[in-house]
PDB file of N, CA and C in Angstrom:
ATOM      1  N   MET A   1     -35.625  16.936 -33.375  1.00  0.00           N
ATOM      2  CA  MET A   1     -35.542  16.516 -32.007  1.00  0.00           C
ATOM      3  C   MET A   1     -36.955  16.291 -31.477  1.00  0.00           C
ATOM      4  N   THR A   2     -37.140  15.232 -30.753  1.00  0.00           N
ATOM      5  CA  THR A   2     -38.431  14.955 -30.154  1.00  0.00           C
ATOM      6  C   THR A   2     -38.275  14.901 -28.653  1.00  0.00           C
ATOM      7  N   TYR A   3     -39.303  15.327 -27.962  1.00  0.00           N
ATOM      8  CA  TYR A   3     -39.291  15.269 -26.507  1.00  0.00           C
ATOM      9  C   TYR A   3     -39.837  13.926 -26.066  1.00  0.00           C
ATOM     10  N   LEU A   4     -39.437  13.523 -24.894  1.00  0.00           N
ATOM     11  CA  LEU A   4     -39.885  12.245 -24.363  1.00  0.00           C
ATOM     12  C   LEU A   4     -41.382  12.296 -24.108  1.00  0.00           C
ATOM     13  N   PHE A   5     -42.075  11.310 -24.611  1.00  0.00           N
ATOM     14  CA  PHE A   5     -43.505  11.208 -24.368  1.00  0.00           C
ATOM     15  C   PHE A   5     -43.793   9.823 -23.816  1.00  0.00           C
ATOM     16  N   PHE A   6     -44.316   9.770 -22.620  1.00  0.00           N
ATOM     17  CA  PHE A   6     -44.751   8.524 -22.040  1.00  0.00           C
ATOM     18  C   PHE A   6     -45.856   8.844 -21.059  1.00  0.00           C
ATOM     19  N   ALA A   7     -46.510   7.822 -20.585  1.00  0.00           N
ATOM     20  CA  ALA A   7     -47.687   7.998 -19.732  1.00  0.00           C
ATOM     21  C   ALA A   7     -47.404   8.954 -18.580  1.00  0.00           C
ATOM     22  N   GLY A   8     -48.185   9.978 -18.463  1.00  0.00           N
ATOM     23  CA  GLY A   8     -48.074  10.903 -17.351  1.00  0.00           C
ATOM     24  C   GLY A   8     -47.065  12.026 -17.545  1.00  0.00           C
ATOM     25  N   PHE A   9     -46.301  12.023 -18.624  1.00  0.00           N
ATOM     26  CA  PHE A   9     -45.321  13.082 -18.836  1.00  0.00           C
ATOM     27  C   PHE A   9     -45.856  14.096 -19.823  1.00  0.00           C
ATOM     28  N   ARG A  10     -45.822  15.342 -19.417  1.00  0.00           N
ATOM     29  CA  ARG A  10     -46.174  16.436 -20.317  1.00  0.00           C
ATOM     30  C   ARG A  10     -44.906  17.219 -20.596  1.00  0.00           C
ATOM     31  N   PRO A  11     -44.611  17.489 -21.862  1.00  0.00           N
ATOM     32  CA  PRO A  11     -43.358  18.179 -22.176  1.00  0.00           C
ATOM     33  C   PRO A  11     -43.302  19.572 -21.558  1.00  0.00           C
ATOM     34  N   HIS A  12     -42.164  19.907 -21.032  1.00  0.00           N
ATOM     35  CA  HIS A  12     -41.931  21.212 -20.412  1.00  0.00           C
ATOM     36  C   HIS A  12     -41.171  22.069 -21.417  1.00  0.00           C
ATOM     37  N   LEU A  13     -41.921  22.748 -22.266  1.00  0.00           N
ATOM     38  CA  LEU A  13     -41.371  23.553 -23.354  1.00  0.00           C
ATOM     39  C   LEU A  13     -41.444  25.035 -22.995  1.00  0.00           C
ATOM     40  N   PRO A  14     -40.537  25.840 -23.547  1.00  0.00           N
ATOM     41  CA  PRO A  14     -40.539  27.269 -23.209  1.00  0.00           C
ATOM     42  C   PRO A  14     -41.592  28.058 -23.973  1.00  0.00           C
ATOM     43  N   ILE A  15     -42.116  29.081 -23.302  1.00  0.00           N
ATOM     44  CA  ILE A  15     -42.992  30.066 -23.935  1.00  0.00           C
ATOM     45  C   ILE A  15     -42.153  31.317 -24.154  1.00  0.00           C
ATOM     46  N   ARG A  16     -42.102  31.762 -25.395  1.00  0.00           N
ATOM     47  CA  ARG A  16     -41.367  32.985 -25.702  1.00  0.00           C
ATOM     48  C   ARG A  16     -42.295  34.174 -25.555  1.00  0.00           C
ATOM     49  N   PRO A  17     -41.812  35.336 -25.214  1.00  0.00           N
ATOM     50  CA  PRO A  17     -40.426  35.747 -25.139  1.00  0.00           C
ATOM     51  C   PRO A  17     -39.813  35.607 -23.750  1.00  0.00           C
ATOM     52  N   LEU A  18     -40.588  35.227 -22.743  1.00  0.00           N
ATOM     53  CA  LEU A  18     -40.059  35.195 -21.380  1.00  0.00           C
ATOM     54  C   LEU A  18     -39.325  33.907 -21.027  1.00  0.00           C
ATOM     55  N   PHE A  19     -39.451  32.904 -21.870  1.00  0.00           N
ATOM     56  CA  PHE A  19     -38.850  31.602 -21.614  1.00  0.00           C
ATOM     57  C   PHE A  19     -39.275  31.059 -20.256  1.00  0.00           C
ATOM     58  N   LEU A  20     -40.583  31.036 -20.070  1.00  0.00           N
ATOM     59  CA  LEU A  20     -41.186  30.355 -18.927  1.00  0.00           C
ATOM     60  C   LEU A  20     -41.715  29.022 -19.419  1.00  0.00           C
ATOM     61  N   CYS A  21     -41.784  28.043 -18.535  1.00  0.00           N
ATOM     62  CA  CYS A  21     -42.251  26.718 -18.914  1.00  0.00           C
ATOM     63  C   CYS A  21     -43.753  26.738 -19.187  1.00  0.00           C
ATOM     64  N   ARG A  22     -44.133  26.183 -20.317  1.00  0.00           N
ATOM     65  CA  ARG A  22     -45.537  26.109 -20.726  1.00  0.00           C
ATOM     66  C   ARG A  22     -46.350  25.215 -19.794  1.00  0.00           C
ATOM     67  N   THR A  23     -45.699  24.246 -19.148  1.00  0.00           N
ATOM     68  CA  THR A  23     -46.410  23.276 -18.319  1.00  0.00           C
ATOM     69  C   THR A  23     -46.479  23.688 -16.847  1.00  0.00           C
ATOM     70  N   CYS A  24     -45.341  24.069 -16.264  1.00  0.00           N
ATOM     71  CA  CYS A  24     -45.323  24.354 -14.823  1.00  0.00           C
ATOM     72  C   CYS A  24     -45.186  25.837 -14.493  1.00  0.00           C
ATOM     73  N   GLY A  25     -44.869  26.669 -15.484  1.00  0.00           N
ATOM     74  CA  GLY A  25     -44.751  28.108 -15.249  1.00  0.00           C
ATOM     75  C   GLY A  25     -43.419  28.551 -14.677  1.00  0.00           C
ATOM     76  N   GLY A  26     -42.513  27.609 -14.447  1.00  0.00           N
ATOM     77  CA  GLY A  26     -41.202  27.957 -13.910  1.00  0.00           C
ATOM     78  C   GLY A  26     -40.289  28.530 -14.983  1.00  0.00           C
ATOM     79  N   LYS A  27     -39.151  29.015 -14.539  1.00  0.00           N
ATOM     80  CA  LYS A  27     -38.163  29.523 -15.491  1.00  0.00           C
ATOM     81  C   LYS A  27     -37.608  28.347 -16.288  1.00  0.00           C
ATOM     82  N   TRP A  28     -37.663  28.482 -17.608  1.00  0.00           N
ATOM     83  CA  TRP A  28     -37.170  27.409 -18.459  1.00  0.00           C
ATOM     84  C   TRP A  28     -35.680  27.552 -18.658  1.00  0.00           C
ATOM     85  N   PRO A  29     -34.895  26.500 -18.616  1.00  0.00           N
ATOM     86  CA  PRO A  29     -35.310  25.108 -18.441  1.00  0.00           C
ATOM     87  C   PRO A  29     -35.585  24.781 -16.972  1.00  0.00           C
ATOM     88  N   CYS A  30     -36.816  24.397 -16.705  1.00  0.00           N
ATOM     89  CA  CYS A  30     -37.211  23.986 -15.350  1.00  0.00           C
ATOM     90  C   CYS A  30     -36.621  22.598 -15.076  1.00  0.00           C
ATOM     91  N   GLN A  31     -36.775  22.112 -13.872  1.00  0.00           N
ATOM     92  CA  GLN A  31     -36.179  20.820 -13.517  1.00  0.00           C
ATOM     93  C   GLN A  31     -36.683  19.680 -14.396  1.00  0.00           C
ATOM     94  N   PRO A  32     -38.001  19.558 -14.649  1.00  0.00           N
ATOM     95  CA  PRO A  32     -38.436  18.481 -15.546  1.00  0.00           C
ATOM     96  C   PRO A  32     -37.870  18.626 -16.960  1.00  0.00           C
ATOM     97  N   ALA A  33     -37.747  19.857 -17.464  1.00  0.00           N
ATOM     98  CA  ALA A  33     -37.165  20.064 -18.791  1.00  0.00           C
ATOM     99  C   ALA A  33     -35.693  19.648 -18.788  1.00  0.00           C
ATOM    100  N   ARG A  34     -34.981  19.965 -17.732  1.00  0.00           N
ATOM    101  CA  ARG A  34     -33.567  19.587 -17.640  1.00  0.00           C
ATOM    102  C   ARG A  34     -33.407  18.072 -17.671  1.00  0.00           C
ATOM    103  N   LEU A  35     -34.229  17.374 -16.915  1.00  0.00           N
ATOM    104  CA  LEU A  35     -34.156  15.913 -16.902  1.00  0.00           C
ATOM    105  C   LEU A  35     -34.468  15.338 -18.281  1.00  0.00           C
ATOM    106  N   ALA A  36     -35.492  15.886 -18.940  1.00  0.00           N
ATOM    107  CA  ALA A  36     -35.853  15.408 -20.279  1.00  0.00           C
ATOM    108  C   ALA A  36     -34.733  15.697 -21.275  1.00  0.00           C
ATOM    109  N   LEU A  37     -34.134  16.879 -21.194  1.00  0.00           N
ATOM    110  CA  LEU A  37     -33.037  17.229 -22.099  1.00  0.00           C
ATOM    111  C   LEU A  37     -31.832  16.317 -21.883  1.00  0.00           C
ATOM    112  N   LEU A  38     -31.492  16.043 -20.622  1.00  0.00           N
ATOM    113  CA  LEU A  38     -30.382  15.134 -20.338  1.00  0.00           C
ATOM    114  C   LEU A  38     -30.655  13.743 -20.905  1.00  0.00           C
ATOM    115  N   ALA A  39     -31.894  13.289 -20.812  1.00  0.00           N
ATOM    116  CA  ALA A  39     -32.242  11.972 -21.353  1.00  0.00           C
ATOM    117  C   ALA A  39     -32.184  11.977 -22.882  1.00  0.00           C
ATOM    118  N   MET A  40     -32.701  13.034 -23.503  1.00  0.00           N
ATOM    119  CA  MET A  40     -32.719  13.107 -24.966  1.00  0.00           C
ATOM    120  C   MET A  40     -31.315  13.196 -25.552  1.00  0.00           C
ATOM    121  N   PHE A  41     -30.431  13.883 -24.852  1.00  0.00           N
ATOM    122  CA  PHE A  41     -29.077  14.095 -25.351  1.00  0.00           C
ATOM    123  C   PHE A  41     -28.057  13.264 -24.577  1.00  0.00           C
ATOM    124  N   GLN A  42     -28.491  12.128 -24.038  1.00  0.00           N
ATOM    125  CA  GLN A  42     -27.594  11.344 -23.186  1.00  0.00           C
ATOM    126  C   GLN A  42     -26.321  10.909 -23.900  1.00  0.00           C
ATOM    127  N   ASP A  43     -26.375  10.713 -25.191  1.00  0.00           N
ATOM    128  CA  ASP A  43     -25.187  10.295 -25.935  1.00  0.00           C
ATOM    129  C   ASP A  43     -24.563  11.442 -26.728  1.00  0.00           C
ATOM    130  N   ASP A  44     -25.049  12.646 -26.522  1.00  0.00           N
ATOM    131  CA  ASP A  44     -24.550  13.797 -27.286  1.00  0.00           C
ATOM    132  C   ASP A  44     -24.558  15.046 -26.410  1.00  0.00           C
ATOM    133  N   ARG A  45     -23.683  15.084 -25.413  1.00  0.00           N
ATOM    134  CA  ARG A  45     -23.634  16.228 -24.487  1.00  0.00           C
ATOM    135  C   ARG A  45     -23.239  17.506 -25.213  1.00  0.00           C
ATOM    136  N   GLN A  46     -22.373  17.399 -26.213  1.00  0.00           N
ATOM    137  CA  GLN A  46     -22.005  18.594 -26.980  1.00  0.00           C
ATOM    138  C   GLN A  46     -23.215  19.119 -27.738  1.00  0.00           C
ATOM    139  N   GLY A  47     -24.037  18.225 -28.265  1.00  0.00           N
ATOM    140  CA  GLY A  47     -25.271  18.624 -28.930  1.00  0.00           C
ATOM    141  C   GLY A  47     -26.216  19.339 -27.971  1.00  0.00           C
ATOM    142  N   LEU A  48     -26.271  18.861 -26.724  1.00  0.00           N
ATOM    143  CA  LEU A  48     -27.101  19.516 -25.708  1.00  0.00           C
ATOM    144  C   LEU A  48     -26.592  20.920 -25.439  1.00  0.00           C
ATOM    145  N   ARG A  49     -25.287  21.077 -25.313  1.00  0.00           N
ATOM    146  CA  ARG A  49     -24.724  22.415 -25.093  1.00  0.00           C
ATOM    147  C   ARG A  49     -25.047  23.346 -26.255  1.00  0.00           C
ATOM    148  N   LEU A  50     -24.937  22.851 -27.474  1.00  0.00           N
ATOM    149  CA  LEU A  50     -25.262  23.673 -28.646  1.00  0.00           C
ATOM    150  C   LEU A  50     -26.746  24.022 -28.691  1.00  0.00           C
ATOM    151  N   HIS A  51     -27.596  23.055 -28.375  1.00  0.00           N
ATOM    152  CA  HIS A  51     -29.045  23.292 -28.342  1.00  0.00           C
ATOM    153  C   HIS A  51     -29.392  24.393 -27.339  1.00  0.00           C
ATOM    154  N   LEU A  52     -28.825  24.284 -26.141  1.00  0.00           N
ATOM    155  CA  LEU A  52     -29.114  25.281 -25.111  1.00  0.00           C
ATOM    156  C   LEU A  52     -28.484  26.633 -25.440  1.00  0.00           C
ATOM    157  N   ALA A  53     -27.332  26.626 -26.099  1.00  0.00           N
ATOM    158  CA  ALA A  53     -26.716  27.893 -26.507  1.00  0.00           C
ATOM    159  C   ALA A  53     -27.599  28.604 -27.532  1.00  0.00           C
ATOM    160  N   ARG A  54     -28.201  27.857 -28.449  1.00  0.00           N
ATOM    161  CA  ARG A  54     -29.127  28.464 -29.413  1.00  0.00           C
ATOM    162  C   ARG A  54     -30.342  29.043 -28.696  1.00  0.00           C
ATOM    163  N   LYS A  55     -30.872  28.295 -27.733  1.00  0.00           N
ATOM    164  CA  LYS A  55     -32.015  28.805 -26.954  1.00  0.00           C
ATOM    165  C   LYS A  55     -31.613  30.061 -26.177  1.00  0.00           C
ATOM    166  N   LEU A  56     -30.401  30.068 -25.638  1.00  0.00           N
ATOM    167  CA  LEU A  56     -29.903  31.232 -24.908  1.00  0.00           C
ATOM    168  C   LEU A  56     -29.826  32.447 -25.825  1.00  0.00           C
ATOM    169  N   LEU A  57     -29.296  32.278 -27.015  1.00  0.00           N
ATOM    170  CA  LEU A  57     -29.216  33.403 -27.955  1.00  0.00           C
ATOM    171  C   LEU A  57     -30.601  33.931 -28.312  1.00  0.00           C
ATOM    172  N   THR A  58     -31.557  33.034 -28.467  1.00  0.00           N
ATOM    173  CA  THR A  58     -32.938  33.457 -28.736  1.00  0.00           C
ATOM    174  C   THR A  58     -33.490  34.227 -27.552  1.00  0.00           C
ATOM    175  N   ALA A  59     -33.251  33.727 -26.329  1.00  0.00           N
ATOM    176  CA  ALA A  59     -33.743  34.412 -25.128  1.00  0.00           C
ATOM    177  C   ALA A  59     -33.103  35.789 -24.981  1.00  0.00           C
ATOM    178  N   LEU A  60     -31.813  35.904 -25.292  1.00  0.00           N
ATOM    179  CA  LEU A  60     -31.133  37.203 -25.210  1.00  0.00           C
ATOM    180  C   LEU A  60     -31.721  38.189 -26.216  1.00  0.00           C
ATOM    181  N   ALA A  61     -32.056  37.706 -27.401  1.00  0.00           N
ATOM    182  CA  ALA A  61     -32.671  38.567 -28.409  1.00  0.00           C
ATOM    183  C   ALA A  61     -34.092  38.969 -27.994  1.00  0.00           C
ATOM    184  N   ASP A  62     -34.823  38.029 -27.376  1.00  0.00           N
ATOM    185  CA  ASP A  62     -36.201  38.301 -26.945  1.00  0.00           C
ATOM    186  C   ASP A  62     -36.263  39.204 -25.719  1.00  0.00           C
ATOM    187  N   GLN A  63     -35.205  39.188 -24.905  1.00  0.00           N
ATOM    188  CA  GLN A  63     -35.189  39.935 -23.647  1.00  0.00           C
ATOM    189  C   GLN A  63     -33.935  40.810 -23.565  1.00  0.00           C
ATOM    190  N   PRO A  64     -33.848  41.826 -24.398  1.00  0.00           N
ATOM    191  CA  PRO A  64     -32.611  42.617 -24.455  1.00  0.00           C
ATOM    192  C   PRO A  64     -32.271  43.349 -23.158  1.00  0.00           C
ATOM    193  N   CYS A  65     -33.233  43.574 -22.290  1.00  0.00           N
ATOM    194  CA  CYS A  65     -32.969  44.292 -21.036  1.00  0.00           C
ATOM    195  C   CYS A  65     -32.575  43.359 -19.890  1.00  0.00           C
ATOM    196  N   THR A  66     -32.644  42.063 -20.109  1.00  0.00           N
ATOM    197  CA  THR A  66     -32.286  41.096 -19.069  1.00  0.00           C
ATOM    198  C   THR A  66     -30.773  40.937 -19.013  1.00  0.00           C
ATOM    199  N   ASP A  67     -30.258  40.800 -17.809  1.00  0.00           N
ATOM    200  CA  ASP A  67     -28.818  40.638 -17.607  1.00  0.00           C
ATOM    201  C   ASP A  67     -28.324  39.377 -18.314  1.00  0.00           C
ATOM    202  N   THR A  68     -27.307  39.532 -19.132  1.00  0.00           N
ATOM    203  CA  THR A  68     -26.751  38.427 -19.904  1.00  0.00           C
ATOM    204  C   THR A  68     -26.242  37.312 -18.992  1.00  0.00           C
ATOM    205  N   ALA A  69     -25.565  37.673 -17.919  1.00  0.00           N
ATOM    206  CA  ALA A  69     -25.012  36.665 -17.004  1.00  0.00           C
ATOM    207  C   ALA A  69     -26.122  35.847 -16.350  1.00  0.00           C
ATOM    208  N   THR A  70     -27.223  36.493 -16.026  1.00  0.00           N
ATOM    209  CA  THR A  70     -28.344  35.785 -15.400  1.00  0.00           C
ATOM    210  C   THR A  70     -28.909  34.728 -16.338  1.00  0.00           C
ATOM    211  N   LEU A  71     -29.137  35.099 -17.591  1.00  0.00           N
ATOM    212  CA  LEU A  71     -29.676  34.128 -18.548  1.00  0.00           C
ATOM    213  C   LEU A  71     -28.660  33.036 -18.864  1.00  0.00           C
ATOM    214  N   THR A  72     -27.400  33.399 -18.969  1.00  0.00           N
ATOM    215  CA  THR A  72     -26.374  32.404 -19.253  1.00  0.00           C
ATOM    216  C   THR A  72     -26.305  31.374 -18.132  1.00  0.00           C
ATOM    217  N   THR A  73     -26.347  31.837 -16.905  1.00  0.00           N
ATOM    218  CA  THR A  73     -26.349  30.924 -15.763  1.00  0.00           C
ATOM    219  C   THR A  73     -27.570  30.021 -15.800  1.00  0.00           C
ATOM    220  N   ARG A  74     -28.718  30.596 -16.057  1.00  0.00           N
ATOM    221  CA  ARG A  74     -29.972  29.838 -16.089  1.00  0.00           C
ATOM    222  C   ARG A  74     -29.956  28.758 -17.167  1.00  0.00           C
ATOM    223  N   PHE A  75     -29.415  29.067 -18.335  1.00  0.00           N
ATOM    224  CA  PHE A  75     -29.464  28.131 -19.451  1.00  0.00           C
ATOM    225  C   PHE A  75     -28.319  27.120 -19.448  1.00  0.00           C
ATOM    226  N   LEU A  76     -27.152  27.501 -18.939  1.00  0.00           N
ATOM    227  CA  LEU A  76     -25.987  26.646 -19.125  1.00  0.00           C
ATOM    228  C   LEU A  76     -25.317  26.143 -17.851  1.00  0.00           C
ATOM    229  N   ALA A  77     -25.458  26.843 -16.732  1.00  0.00           N
ATOM    230  CA  ALA A  77     -24.692  26.490 -15.526  1.00  0.00           C
ATOM    231  C   ALA A  77     -25.099  25.153 -14.923  1.00  0.00           C
ATOM    232  N   TRP A  78     -26.278  24.681 -15.189  1.00  0.00           N
ATOM    233  CA  TRP A  78     -26.752  23.431 -14.594  1.00  0.00           C
ATOM    234  C   TRP A  78     -26.193  22.196 -15.296  1.00  0.00           C
ATOM    235  N   LEU A  79     -25.587  22.382 -16.467  1.00  0.00           N
ATOM    236  CA  LEU A  79     -25.090  21.235 -17.229  1.00  0.00           C
ATOM    237  C   LEU A  79     -23.954  20.533 -16.498  1.00  0.00           C
ATOM    238  N   PRO A  80     -23.910  19.207 -16.573  1.00  0.00           N
ATOM    239  CA  PRO A  80     -22.775  18.501 -15.975  1.00  0.00           C
ATOM    240  C   PRO A  80     -21.505  18.842 -16.722  1.00  0.00           C
ATOM    241  N   PRO A  81     -20.369  18.801 -16.049  1.00  0.00           N
ATOM    242  CA  PRO A  81     -19.111  19.123 -16.729  1.00  0.00           C
ATOM    243  C   PRO A  81     -18.835  18.119 -17.842  1.00  0.00           C
ATOM    244  N   PRO A  82     -18.127  18.571 -18.886  1.00  0.00           N
ATOM    245  CA  PRO A  82     -17.787  17.634 -19.962  1.00  0.00           C
ATOM    246  C   PRO A  82     -16.831  16.559 -19.452  1.00  0.00           C
ATOM    247  N   PRO A  83     -16.882  15.384 -20.053  1.00  0.00           N
ATOM    248  CA  PRO A  83     -15.972  14.318 -19.608  1.00  0.00           C
ATOM    249  C   PRO A  83     -14.524  14.696 -19.916  1.00  0.00           C
ATOM    250  N   PRO A  84     -13.604  14.160 -19.131  1.00  0.00           N
ATOM    251  CA  PRO A  84     -12.182  14.493 -19.336  1.00  0.00           C
ATOM    252  C   PRO A  84     -11.642  13.939 -20.647  1.00  0.00           C
TER     253      PRO A  84
END
């Protein structure tokens, strides 16, 4: 998987173990990361869900004291609903 690279765009990638954005310092996936992920997976929404689920499992392993529901909401709740 490659991130979108074009003039003026810096990839918003997570820093482990806290999963903060390397570029803006926000909680990953930050808004720019979400937009980039939606663009990268525009034809594969199920792939995006699987990608984020893997990241969520990594974050849960890296942060065992963090509330599971909080991380799940952060990683998955922003996704658009699947098509009917």
